Amino acid sequence: MKRLGLLLTIVCLLGISTANAQSTFGKGDCTANLMVGVGSGLPVSGSMEWPIVSGLIKGRASIGLGPYVGFRIPLGTNQVGCLDVSARAAFHYQFVEKLDTYVGLGLGMWGTFDGKFGAGLGVSGYLGARYYFWDHIGLCTELGYGISYFSVGACFKL
């Protein structure tokens, strides 16, 4: 997992010229992420997002909203399962072609279960990137506080 995250970081830092680049997240887009995390148990998550404001900062920035569902599957007897269902909002900025970087906040319900069930409201913060190798398919990664501190997976433009 760490090598895949390092590879994605290197690809993003190398970048490509932004001359005449088309926005990676803008009006009319719908994105979906399917990710697996690093941490106790097996954190898996899925999210979708739609831009609500596009064309900011010379057409390179936008603001998006969407749902998030994360589940941590306990793999041992001492681990606790966890469910996170949230609404998320993110600010996106395109530094280079094919790279969508974003920072955001989530607000939602979380629950734990280990023979007992506990639930409450929760706030999460995250920093992410999507790099599109093809027009509609790429890799994504997120760092933050939520179901997992680090996640990596596939992203899709629907």
C-alpha atoms as a PDB file:
ATOM      1  CA  MET A   1       0.000   0.000   0.000  1.00  0.00           C
ATOM      2  CA  LYS A   2       2.756   2.446   0.920  1.00  0.00           C
ATOM      3  CA  ARG A   3       4.515   1.827  -2.405  1.00  0.00           C
ATOM      4  CA  LEU A   4       1.310   2.478  -4.345  1.00  0.00           C
ATOM      5  CA  GLY A   5       0.790   5.733  -2.416  1.00  0.00           C
ATOM      6  CA  LEU A   6       4.405   6.745  -3.091  1.00  0.00           C
ATOM      7  CA  LEU A   7       4.015   5.927  -6.800  1.00  0.00           C
ATOM      8  CA  LEU A   8       0.852   8.034  -7.036  1.00  0.00           C
ATOM      9  CA  THR A   9       2.590  10.921  -5.261  1.00  0.00           C
ATOM     10  CA  ILE A  10       5.544  10.781  -7.675  1.00  0.00           C
ATOM     11  CA  VAL A  11       3.235  10.693 -10.711  1.00  0.00           C
ATOM     12  CA  CYS A  12       1.326  13.690  -9.353  1.00  0.00           C
ATOM     13  CA  LEU A  13       4.477  15.682  -8.636  1.00  0.00           C
ATOM     14  CA  LEU A  14       5.944  15.067 -12.086  1.00  0.00           C
ATOM     15  CA  GLY A  15       2.746  16.439 -13.616  1.00  0.00           C
ATOM     16  CA  ILE A  16       1.992  17.557 -17.129  1.00  0.00           C
ATOM     17  CA  SER A  17       1.698  21.083 -18.556  1.00  0.00           C
ATOM     18  CA  THR A  18      -1.637  22.783 -17.906  1.00  0.00           C
ATOM     19  CA  ALA A  19      -1.723  24.619 -21.229  1.00  0.00           C
ATOM     20  CA  ASN A  20      -5.215  24.276 -22.703  1.00  0.00           C
ATOM     21  CA  ALA A  21      -6.019  21.681 -20.034  1.00  0.00           C
ATOM     22  CA  GLN A  22      -9.621  20.716 -19.462  1.00  0.00           C
ATOM     23  CA  SER A  23     -10.854  20.783 -15.858  1.00  0.00           C
ATOM     24  CA  THR A  24     -10.667  17.423 -14.059  1.00  0.00           C
ATOM     25  CA  PHE A  25     -13.690  18.260 -11.868  1.00  0.00           C
ATOM     26  CA  GLY A  26     -16.209  20.761 -13.168  1.00  0.00           C
ATOM     27  CA  LYS A  27     -19.711  21.440 -14.407  1.00  0.00           C
ATOM     28  CA  GLY A  28     -21.547  18.287 -15.489  1.00  0.00           C
ATOM     29  CA  ASP A  29     -19.105  15.847 -13.851  1.00  0.00           C
ATOM     30  CA  CYS A  30     -19.998  13.084 -11.423  1.00  0.00           C
ATOM     31  CA  THR A  31     -17.174  11.172  -9.759  1.00  0.00           C
ATOM     32  CA  ALA A  32     -17.074   7.968  -7.730  1.00  0.00           C
ATOM     33  CA  ASN A  33     -14.256   6.639  -5.550  1.00  0.00           C
ATOM     34  CA  LEU A  34     -13.860   3.040  -4.346  1.00  0.00           C
ATOM     35  CA  MET A  35     -11.033   2.777  -1.823  1.00  0.00           C
ATOM     36  CA  VAL A  36      -9.368   0.522   0.705  1.00  0.00           C
ATOM     37  CA  GLY A  37      -7.595   1.953   3.728  1.00  0.00           C
ATOM     38  CA  VAL A  38      -4.729   1.250   6.040  1.00  0.00           C
ATOM     39  CA  GLY A  39      -5.441   0.758   9.726  1.00  0.00           C
ATOM     40  CA  SER A  40      -6.927  -1.698  12.146  1.00  0.00           C
ATOM     41  CA  GLY A  41      -9.190  -4.148  10.415  1.00  0.00           C
ATOM     42  CA  LEU A  42      -9.970  -3.614   6.740  1.00  0.00           C
ATOM     43  CA  PRO A  43     -11.330  -0.106   6.057  1.00  0.00           C
ATOM     44  CA  VAL A  44     -13.266   0.095   2.761  1.00  0.00           C
ATOM     45  CA  SER A  45     -15.145   3.124   1.468  1.00  0.00           C
ATOM     46  CA  GLY A  46     -17.107   4.501  -1.412  1.00  0.00           C
ATOM     47  CA  SER A  47     -18.073   8.049  -2.274  1.00  0.00           C
ATOM     48  CA  MET A  48     -19.667  10.101  -5.020  1.00  0.00           C
ATOM     49  CA  GLU A  49     -19.398  13.804  -5.732  1.00  0.00           C
ATOM     50  CA  TRP A  50     -20.946  16.450  -7.950  1.00  0.00           C
ATOM     51  CA  PRO A  51     -19.676  20.008  -8.469  1.00  0.00           C
ATOM     52  CA  ILE A  52     -22.031  22.688  -7.172  1.00  0.00           C
ATOM     53  CA  VAL A  53     -19.789  25.645  -8.119  1.00  0.00           C
ATOM     54  CA  SER A  54     -17.364  25.498 -11.073  1.00  0.00           C
ATOM     55  CA  GLY A  55     -15.017  27.843 -12.902  1.00  0.00           C
ATOM     56  CA  LEU A  56     -13.403  29.461  -9.870  1.00  0.00           C
ATOM     57  CA  ILE A  57      -9.820  30.810  -9.927  1.00  0.00           C
ATOM     58  CA  LYS A  58      -9.332  31.014 -13.711  1.00  0.00           C
ATOM     59  CA  GLY A  59     -11.350  27.813 -14.276  1.00  0.00           C
ATOM     60  CA  ARG A  60      -9.065  25.631 -12.152  1.00  0.00           C
ATOM     61  CA  ALA A  61     -11.146  25.422  -8.960  1.00  0.00           C
ATOM     62  CA  SER A  62     -14.559  24.130  -7.943  1.00  0.00           C
ATOM     63  CA  ILE A  63     -16.610  23.101  -4.926  1.00  0.00           C
ATOM     64  CA  GLY A  64     -18.285  19.700  -4.737  1.00  0.00           C
ATOM     65  CA  LEU A  65     -20.794  17.845  -2.544  1.00  0.00           C
ATOM     66  CA  GLY A  66     -21.600  14.176  -2.182  1.00  0.00           C
ATOM     67  CA  PRO A  67     -22.259  11.130   0.005  1.00  0.00           C
ATOM     68  CA  TYR A  68     -19.632   8.916   1.651  1.00  0.00           C
ATOM     69  CA  VAL A  69     -19.966   5.437   3.155  1.00  0.00           C
ATOM     70  CA  GLY A  70     -17.084   3.782   4.967  1.00  0.00           C
ATOM     71  CA  PHE A  71     -16.951   0.450   6.779  1.00  0.00           C
ATOM     72  CA  ARG A  72     -14.130  -1.007   8.836  1.00  0.00           C
ATOM     73  CA  ILE A  73     -14.293  -4.802   8.805  1.00  0.00           C
ATOM     74  CA  PRO A  74     -12.804  -6.322  11.966  1.00  0.00           C
ATOM     75  CA  LEU A  75     -10.212  -8.986  11.122  1.00  0.00           C
ATOM     76  CA  GLY A  76      -9.427 -10.134  14.653  1.00  0.00           C
ATOM     77  CA  THR A  77     -11.211 -10.744  17.925  1.00  0.00           C
ATOM     78  CA  ASN A  78      -9.789  -7.552  19.497  1.00  0.00           C
ATOM     79  CA  GLN A  79     -10.905  -5.264  16.661  1.00  0.00           C
ATOM     80  CA  VAL A  80     -14.047  -3.164  16.491  1.00  0.00           C
ATOM     81  CA  GLY A  81     -16.191  -2.751  13.382  1.00  0.00           C
ATOM     82  CA  CYS A  82     -17.177   0.763  12.398  1.00  0.00           C
ATOM     83  CA  LEU A  83     -19.633   2.352   9.964  1.00  0.00           C
ATOM     84  CA  ASP A  84     -19.469   5.976   8.751  1.00  0.00           C
ATOM     85  CA  VAL A  85     -22.265   7.509   6.629  1.00  0.00           C
ATOM     86  CA  SER A  86     -21.546  11.153   5.832  1.00  0.00           C
ATOM     87  CA  ALA A  87     -22.211  14.105   3.581  1.00  0.00           C
ATOM     88  CA  ARG A  88     -18.969  15.658   2.338  1.00  0.00           C
ATOM     89  CA  ALA A  89     -18.025  19.012   0.836  1.00  0.00           C
ATOM     90  CA  ALA A  90     -14.684  19.653  -0.867  1.00  0.00           C
ATOM     91  CA  PHE A  91     -12.729  22.467  -2.475  1.00  0.00           C
ATOM     92  CA  HIS A  92     -10.961  21.235  -5.656  1.00  0.00           C
ATOM     93  CA  TYR A  93      -7.976  22.803  -7.390  1.00  0.00           C
ATOM     94  CA  GLN A  94      -6.283  21.517 -10.551  1.00  0.00           C
ATOM     95  CA  PHE A  95      -2.531  22.144 -10.401  1.00  0.00           C
ATOM     96  CA  VAL A  96      -1.642  20.057 -13.468  1.00  0.00           C
ATOM     97  CA  GLU A  97      -3.509  18.292 -16.265  1.00  0.00           C
ATOM     98  CA  LYS A  98      -5.296  15.064 -15.249  1.00  0.00           C
ATOM     99  CA  LEU A  99      -4.762  15.745 -11.520  1.00  0.00           C
ATOM    100  CA  ASP A 100      -7.676  16.720  -9.278  1.00  0.00           C
ATOM    101  CA  THR A 101      -6.533  17.756  -5.774  1.00  0.00           C
ATOM    102  CA  TYR A 102      -9.011  18.547  -3.040  1.00  0.00           C
ATOM    103  CA  VAL A 103      -9.498  19.276   0.646  1.00  0.00           C
ATOM    104  CA  GLY A 104     -12.771  18.763   2.442  1.00  0.00           C
ATOM    105  CA  LEU A 105     -14.940  18.144   5.466  1.00  0.00           C
ATOM    106  CA  GLY A 106     -17.514  15.474   6.184  1.00  0.00           C
ATOM    107  CA  LEU A 107     -20.445  15.487   8.608  1.00  0.00           C
ATOM    108  CA  GLY A 108     -22.406  12.377   9.370  1.00  0.00           C
ATOM    109  CA  MET A 109     -23.321   9.444  11.549  1.00  0.00           C
ATOM    110  CA  TRP A 110     -20.886   6.815  12.717  1.00  0.00           C
ATOM    111  CA  GLY A 111     -21.443   3.618  14.574  1.00  0.00           C
ATOM    112  CA  THR A 112     -19.277   0.975  16.222  1.00  0.00           C
ATOM    113  CA  PHE A 113     -20.127  -2.603  16.987  1.00  0.00           C
ATOM    114  CA  ASP A 114     -18.243  -5.161  19.068  1.00  0.00           C
ATOM    115  CA  GLY A 115     -21.076  -6.989  20.755  1.00  0.00           C
ATOM    116  CA  LYS A 116     -22.498  -3.590  21.720  1.00  0.00           C
ATOM    117  CA  PHE A 117     -23.557  -0.805  19.396  1.00  0.00           C
ATOM    118  CA  GLY A 118     -22.560   2.843  19.798  1.00  0.00           C
ATOM    119  CA  ALA A 119     -23.440   5.724  17.507  1.00  0.00           C
ATOM    120  CA  GLY A 120     -23.062   9.466  17.235  1.00  0.00           C
ATOM    121  CA  LEU A 121     -22.465  12.464  15.024  1.00  0.00           C
ATOM    122  CA  GLY A 122     -18.995  12.879  13.638  1.00  0.00           C
ATOM    123  CA  VAL A 123     -16.903  15.380  11.697  1.00  0.00           C
ATOM    124  CA  SER A 124     -14.055  14.281   9.424  1.00  0.00           C
ATOM    125  CA  GLY A 125     -11.434  16.148   7.457  1.00  0.00           C
ATOM    126  CA  TYR A 126      -9.494  14.927   4.451  1.00  0.00           C
ATOM    127  CA  LEU A 127      -6.978  15.827   1.764  1.00  0.00           C
ATOM    128  CA  GLY A 128      -7.172  13.927  -1.520  1.00  0.00           C
ATOM    129  CA  ALA A 129      -6.003  13.556  -5.079  1.00  0.00           C
ATOM    130  CA  ARG A 130      -7.347  11.836  -8.194  1.00  0.00           C
ATOM    131  CA  TYR A 131      -5.090  11.200 -11.174  1.00  0.00           C
ATOM    132  CA  TYR A 132      -6.855  10.147 -14.378  1.00  0.00           C
ATOM    133  CA  PHE A 133      -4.808   7.784 -16.541  1.00  0.00           C
ATOM    134  CA  TRP A 134      -7.707   7.584 -18.986  1.00  0.00           C
ATOM    135  CA  ASP A 135     -10.606  10.000 -19.587  1.00  0.00           C
ATOM    136  CA  HIS A 136     -12.905   8.326 -17.034  1.00  0.00           C
ATOM    137  CA  ILE A 137     -10.679   6.051 -14.903  1.00  0.00           C
ATOM    138  CA  GLY A 138      -7.835   6.791 -12.525  1.00  0.00           C
ATOM    139  CA  LEU A 139      -6.284   6.311  -9.118  1.00  0.00           C
ATOM    140  CA  CYS A 140      -7.241   8.203  -5.991  1.00  0.00           C
ATOM    141  CA  THR A 141      -5.795   8.614  -2.535  1.00  0.00           C
ATOM    142  CA  GLU A 142      -6.954  10.362   0.620  1.00  0.00           C
ATOM    143  CA  LEU A 143      -5.325  11.307   3.913  1.00  0.00           C
ATOM    144  CA  GLY A 144      -7.476  12.345   6.815  1.00  0.00           C
ATOM    145  CA  TYR A 145      -9.497  11.535   9.857  1.00  0.00           C
ATOM    146  CA  GLY A 146     -12.396   9.131   9.394  1.00  0.00           C
ATOM    147  CA  ILE A 147     -12.753   5.413   8.719  1.00  0.00           C
ATOM    148  CA  SER A 148      -9.032   5.311   7.837  1.00  0.00           C
ATOM    149  CA  TYR A 149      -6.089   7.711   8.036  1.00  0.00           C
ATOM    150  CA  PHE A 150      -4.856   6.726   4.549  1.00  0.00           C
ATOM    151  CA  SER A 151      -6.846   5.219   1.668  1.00  0.00           C
ATOM    152  CA  VAL A 152      -6.058   4.390  -1.942  1.00  0.00           C
ATOM    153  CA  GLY A 153      -8.249   3.101  -4.743  1.00  0.00           C
ATOM    154  CA  ALA A 154      -9.895   3.680  -8.093  1.00  0.00           C
ATOM    155  CA  CYS A 155     -11.817   6.746  -9.238  1.00  0.00           C
ATOM    156  CA  PHE A 156     -14.351   6.979 -12.035  1.00  0.00           C
ATOM    157  CA  LYS A 157     -16.033   9.810 -13.934  1.00  0.00           C
ATOM    158  CA  LEU A 158     -19.600   8.681 -14.537  1.00  0.00           C
END
